[in-house]
Amino acid sequence: MESRSKREQCTIINNIPSELNICADPTQIEQVLVNLFVNAMDAVAGMGESQISVDLLSDEAKYQRVGITDSGKGFNADVLPKLFTLLPPPKMLG
């Protein structure tokens, strides 16, 4: 991630406290975060100077929410209504 962010002139801002404890499978959490970072890097690719921020969105005792935002242009208006529409499994496509 670091080499790609330098290549893309993208600043990554980590606002997550280092003492944050999460009770979860580290491999699964890492995979989710990597996927979100890859998506964010794709969103800002070719934009020149850009930014990705990682923030703690809640600090409740029981649950933690982490948000990743980027300075990309966002989705086209025609995509928004279909954003959370489930796709059929590949086997059903042929």
N, C-alpha and C. Protein backbone atom coordinates (compact mmCIF):
# COMPACT_ATOMS: atom_id res chain seq x y z
N MET A 1 0.81 -1.19 0.00
CA MET A 1 0.00 0.00 0.00
C MET A 1 0.86 1.26 0.00
N GLU A 2 1.90 1.24 0.81
CA GLU A 2 2.72 2.45 0.95
C GLU A 2 3.37 2.84 -0.37
N SER A 3 3.91 1.86 -1.10
CA SER A 3 4.57 2.19 -2.37
C SER A 3 3.55 2.69 -3.39
N ARG A 4 2.35 2.09 -3.41
CA ARG A 4 1.33 2.56 -4.35
C ARG A 4 0.86 3.96 -3.98
N SER A 5 0.71 4.24 -2.69
CA SER A 5 0.26 5.57 -2.28
C SER A 5 1.28 6.64 -2.67
N LYS A 6 2.56 6.31 -2.56
CA LYS A 6 3.60 7.26 -3.00
C LYS A 6 3.54 7.47 -4.50
N ARG A 7 3.38 6.38 -5.23
CA ARG A 7 3.31 6.45 -6.69
C ARG A 7 2.10 7.28 -7.13
N GLU A 8 0.99 7.15 -6.43
CA GLU A 8 -0.24 7.86 -6.78
C GLU A 8 -0.31 9.25 -6.15
N GLN A 9 0.73 9.67 -5.42
CA GLN A 9 0.76 10.94 -4.71
C GLN A 9 -0.43 11.05 -3.75
N CYS A 10 -0.67 9.98 -3.03
CA CYS A 10 -1.80 9.90 -2.12
C CYS A 10 -1.31 9.88 -0.67
N THR A 11 -1.82 10.79 0.12
CA THR A 11 -1.50 10.85 1.54
C THR A 11 -2.49 9.99 2.31
N ILE A 12 -2.00 9.10 3.15
CA ILE A 12 -2.86 8.28 3.99
C ILE A 12 -2.79 8.83 5.41
N ILE A 13 -3.96 9.17 5.94
CA ILE A 13 -4.05 9.74 7.28
C ILE A 13 -4.70 8.71 8.20
N ASN A 14 -3.96 8.26 9.20
CA ASN A 14 -4.46 7.26 10.14
C ASN A 14 -4.85 7.95 11.44
N ASN A 15 -6.15 8.04 11.69
CA ASN A 15 -6.66 8.65 12.92
C ASN A 15 -7.15 7.61 13.92
N ILE A 16 -6.68 6.37 13.79
CA ILE A 16 -7.07 5.30 14.70
C ILE A 16 -6.08 5.27 15.86
N PRO A 17 -6.57 5.31 17.10
CA PRO A 17 -5.64 5.24 18.23
C PRO A 17 -4.88 3.92 18.25
N SER A 18 -3.61 3.97 18.57
CA SER A 18 -2.79 2.76 18.57
C SER A 18 -3.22 1.76 19.65
N GLU A 19 -3.90 2.24 20.69
CA GLU A 19 -4.31 1.34 21.76
C GLU A 19 -5.69 0.71 21.53
N LEU A 20 -6.26 0.85 20.36
CA LEU A 20 -7.57 0.28 20.05
C LEU A 20 -7.51 -1.24 20.08
N ASN A 21 -8.40 -1.85 20.83
CA ASN A 21 -8.47 -3.31 20.91
C ASN A 21 -9.72 -3.79 20.18
N ILE A 22 -9.55 -4.79 19.32
CA ILE A 22 -10.66 -5.37 18.58
C ILE A 22 -10.62 -6.87 18.79
N CYS A 23 -11.74 -7.44 19.16
CA CYS A 23 -11.84 -8.89 19.35
C CYS A 23 -12.37 -9.48 18.04
N ALA A 24 -11.47 -9.88 17.17
CA ALA A 24 -11.84 -10.41 15.85
C ALA A 24 -10.67 -11.19 15.29
N ASP A 25 -10.93 -11.93 14.25
CA ASP A 25 -9.88 -12.67 13.56
C ASP A 25 -8.97 -11.67 12.84
N PRO A 26 -7.70 -11.58 13.22
CA PRO A 26 -6.79 -10.60 12.61
C PRO A 26 -6.68 -10.74 11.09
N THR A 27 -6.69 -11.97 10.60
CA THR A 27 -6.56 -12.19 9.15
C THR A 27 -7.78 -11.64 8.42
N GLN A 28 -8.97 -11.86 8.97
CA GLN A 28 -10.18 -11.36 8.32
C GLN A 28 -10.25 -9.84 8.36
N ILE A 29 -9.89 -9.25 9.49
CA ILE A 29 -9.89 -7.78 9.60
C ILE A 29 -8.88 -7.19 8.63
N GLU A 30 -7.71 -7.80 8.55
CA GLU A 30 -6.69 -7.32 7.62
C GLU A 30 -7.20 -7.38 6.18
N GLN A 31 -7.85 -8.48 5.80
CA GLN A 31 -8.35 -8.62 4.44
C GLN A 31 -9.42 -7.57 4.12
N VAL A 32 -10.31 -7.32 5.06
CA VAL A 32 -11.34 -6.29 4.86
C VAL A 32 -10.68 -4.93 4.66
N LEU A 33 -9.73 -4.58 5.53
CA LEU A 33 -9.07 -3.28 5.43
C LEU A 33 -8.26 -3.16 4.14
N VAL A 34 -7.57 -4.22 3.75
CA VAL A 34 -6.81 -4.19 2.49
C VAL A 34 -7.77 -3.95 1.32
N ASN A 35 -8.90 -4.66 1.30
CA ASN A 35 -9.87 -4.48 0.22
C ASN A 35 -10.39 -3.04 0.17
N LEU A 36 -10.70 -2.47 1.33
CA LEU A 36 -11.18 -1.09 1.37
C LEU A 36 -10.10 -0.11 0.91
N PHE A 37 -8.85 -0.35 1.31
CA PHE A 37 -7.76 0.51 0.86
C PHE A 37 -7.55 0.40 -0.64
N VAL A 38 -7.61 -0.80 -1.18
CA VAL A 38 -7.45 -0.98 -2.63
C VAL A 38 -8.55 -0.23 -3.36
N ASN A 39 -9.79 -0.34 -2.88
CA ASN A 39 -10.90 0.39 -3.50
C ASN A 39 -10.67 1.90 -3.43
N ALA A 40 -10.21 2.38 -2.28
CA ALA A 40 -9.94 3.81 -2.12
C ALA A 40 -8.80 4.25 -3.03
N MET A 41 -7.75 3.44 -3.13
CA MET A 41 -6.64 3.78 -4.03
C MET A 41 -7.11 3.80 -5.48
N ASP A 42 -7.97 2.86 -5.87
CA ASP A 42 -8.52 2.87 -7.23
C ASP A 42 -9.34 4.13 -7.47
N ALA A 43 -10.06 4.60 -6.45
CA ALA A 43 -10.92 5.78 -6.59
C ALA A 43 -10.11 7.06 -6.80
N VAL A 44 -8.90 7.12 -6.27
CA VAL A 44 -8.09 8.34 -6.40
C VAL A 44 -6.98 8.21 -7.44
N ALA A 45 -6.90 7.05 -8.09
CA ALA A 45 -5.83 6.81 -9.07
C ALA A 45 -5.87 7.86 -10.18
N GLY A 46 -4.71 8.39 -10.49
CA GLY A 46 -4.58 9.35 -11.58
C GLY A 46 -5.05 10.75 -11.25
N MET A 47 -5.39 11.02 -10.01
CA MET A 47 -5.90 12.34 -9.63
C MET A 47 -4.79 13.30 -9.19
N GLY A 48 -3.56 12.82 -9.14
CA GLY A 48 -2.51 13.66 -8.58
C GLY A 48 -2.60 13.62 -7.07
N GLU A 49 -2.41 14.75 -6.42
CA GLU A 49 -2.46 14.77 -4.96
C GLU A 49 -3.84 14.39 -4.47
N SER A 50 -3.89 13.39 -3.60
CA SER A 50 -5.17 12.90 -3.08
C SER A 50 -4.97 12.45 -1.64
N GLN A 51 -6.07 12.01 -1.03
CA GLN A 51 -6.00 11.68 0.39
C GLN A 51 -6.95 10.53 0.72
N ILE A 52 -6.50 9.66 1.60
CA ILE A 52 -7.33 8.60 2.17
C ILE A 52 -7.21 8.73 3.69
N SER A 53 -8.36 8.75 4.37
CA SER A 53 -8.37 8.87 5.83
C SER A 53 -9.00 7.64 6.46
N VAL A 54 -8.43 7.22 7.57
CA VAL A 54 -8.97 6.11 8.35
C VAL A 54 -9.34 6.69 9.71
N ASP A 55 -10.62 6.55 10.08
CA ASP A 55 -11.10 7.17 11.31
C ASP A 55 -11.89 6.19 12.16
N LEU A 56 -11.85 6.40 13.46
CA LEU A 56 -12.69 5.68 14.39
C LEU A 56 -14.00 6.46 14.47
N LEU A 57 -15.11 5.83 14.04
CA LEU A 57 -16.38 6.53 13.97
C LEU A 57 -17.21 6.38 15.24
N SER A 58 -16.88 5.44 16.07
CA SER A 58 -17.59 5.30 17.35
C SER A 58 -16.59 4.81 18.39
N ASP A 59 -16.83 5.22 19.60
CA ASP A 59 -15.94 4.77 20.66
C ASP A 59 -16.74 4.17 21.82
N GLU A 60 -17.84 3.52 21.45
CA GLU A 60 -18.65 2.84 22.47
C GLU A 60 -17.85 1.68 23.05
N ALA A 61 -18.18 1.30 24.25
CA ALA A 61 -17.43 0.23 24.91
C ALA A 61 -17.60 -1.12 24.21
N LYS A 62 -18.77 -1.39 23.64
CA LYS A 62 -19.04 -2.72 23.08
C LYS A 62 -18.66 -2.83 21.60
N TYR A 63 -18.90 -1.80 20.82
CA TYR A 63 -18.68 -1.88 19.38
C TYR A 63 -17.76 -0.76 18.91
N GLN A 64 -16.97 -1.07 17.88
CA GLN A 64 -16.12 -0.07 17.25
C GLN A 64 -16.46 -0.02 15.76
N ARG A 65 -16.49 1.15 15.19
CA ARG A 65 -16.73 1.32 13.76
C ARG A 65 -15.57 2.10 13.18
N VAL A 66 -15.01 1.59 12.12
CA VAL A 66 -13.89 2.25 11.45
C VAL A 66 -14.38 2.71 10.09
N GLY A 67 -14.03 3.93 9.71
CA GLY A 67 -14.41 4.45 8.41
C GLY A 67 -13.19 4.77 7.57
N ILE A 68 -13.28 4.48 6.29
CA ILE A 68 -12.22 4.83 5.34
C ILE A 68 -12.85 5.72 4.29
N THR A 69 -12.32 6.93 4.15
CA THR A 69 -12.82 7.87 3.16
C THR A 69 -11.69 8.27 2.22
N ASP A 70 -12.05 8.65 1.01
CA ASP A 70 -11.04 9.09 0.05
C ASP A 70 -11.52 10.36 -0.64
N SER A 71 -10.61 11.03 -1.30
CA SER A 71 -10.93 12.28 -1.99
C SER A 71 -11.25 12.05 -3.46
N GLY A 72 -11.66 10.83 -3.80
CA GLY A 72 -12.07 10.52 -5.17
C GLY A 72 -13.36 11.23 -5.54
N LYS A 73 -13.73 11.15 -6.82
CA LYS A 73 -14.90 11.90 -7.30
C LYS A 73 -16.23 11.26 -6.90
N GLY A 74 -16.23 10.03 -6.43
CA GLY A 74 -17.47 9.37 -6.01
C GLY A 74 -18.11 8.61 -7.17
N PHE A 75 -19.30 8.09 -6.91
CA PHE A 75 -20.02 7.31 -7.91
C PHE A 75 -20.77 8.22 -8.87
N ASN A 76 -20.94 7.75 -10.10
CA ASN A 76 -21.81 8.45 -11.04
C ASN A 76 -23.25 8.34 -10.54
N ALA A 77 -24.07 9.33 -10.83
CA ALA A 77 -25.46 9.36 -10.34
C ALA A 77 -26.25 8.14 -10.79
N ASP A 78 -25.98 7.61 -11.99
CA ASP A 78 -26.75 6.46 -12.48
C ASP A 78 -26.41 5.16 -11.75
N VAL A 79 -25.28 5.13 -11.06
CA VAL A 79 -24.87 3.93 -10.33
C VAL A 79 -25.51 3.86 -8.94
N LEU A 80 -25.77 5.00 -8.35
CA LEU A 80 -26.25 5.06 -6.96
C LEU A 80 -27.49 4.20 -6.68
N PRO A 81 -28.54 4.22 -7.52
CA PRO A 81 -29.71 3.39 -7.21
C PRO A 81 -29.42 1.89 -7.22
N LYS A 82 -28.37 1.46 -7.91
CA LYS A 82 -28.03 0.04 -8.03
C LYS A 82 -26.91 -0.39 -7.10
N LEU A 83 -26.43 0.52 -6.29
CA LEU A 83 -25.23 0.29 -5.51
C LEU A 83 -25.30 -0.95 -4.62
N PHE A 84 -26.43 -1.20 -3.99
CA PHE A 84 -26.53 -2.34 -3.08
C PHE A 84 -27.41 -3.46 -3.63
N THR A 85 -27.58 -3.50 -4.95
CA THR A 85 -28.31 -4.58 -5.59
C THR A 85 -27.42 -5.81 -5.67
N LEU A 86 -27.94 -6.93 -5.19
CA LEU A 86 -27.16 -8.17 -5.23
C LEU A 86 -27.01 -8.66 -6.66
N LEU A 87 -25.83 -9.14 -6.97
CA LEU A 87 -25.58 -9.74 -8.27
C LEU A 87 -25.82 -11.24 -8.17
N PRO A 88 -26.27 -11.87 -9.26
CA PRO A 88 -26.47 -13.32 -9.21
C PRO A 88 -25.12 -14.03 -9.10
N PRO A 89 -25.10 -15.22 -8.48
CA PRO A 89 -23.84 -15.98 -8.39
C PRO A 89 -23.33 -16.30 -9.79
N PRO A 90 -22.01 -16.42 -9.98
CA PRO A 90 -21.44 -16.68 -11.31
C PRO A 90 -22.04 -17.91 -12.00
N LYS A 91 -22.38 -18.95 -11.24
CA LYS A 91 -22.94 -20.16 -11.84
C LYS A 91 -24.26 -19.89 -12.54
N MET A 92 -25.02 -18.91 -12.06
CA MET A 92 -26.31 -18.59 -12.66
C MET A 92 -26.18 -17.76 -13.93
N LEU A 93 -25.00 -17.19 -14.15
CA LEU A 93 -24.79 -16.35 -15.33
C LEU A 93 -24.45 -17.17 -16.56
N GLY A 94 -24.18 -18.41 -16.42
CA GLY A 94 -23.92 -19.22 -17.60
C GLY A 94 -22.75 -20.05 -17.41
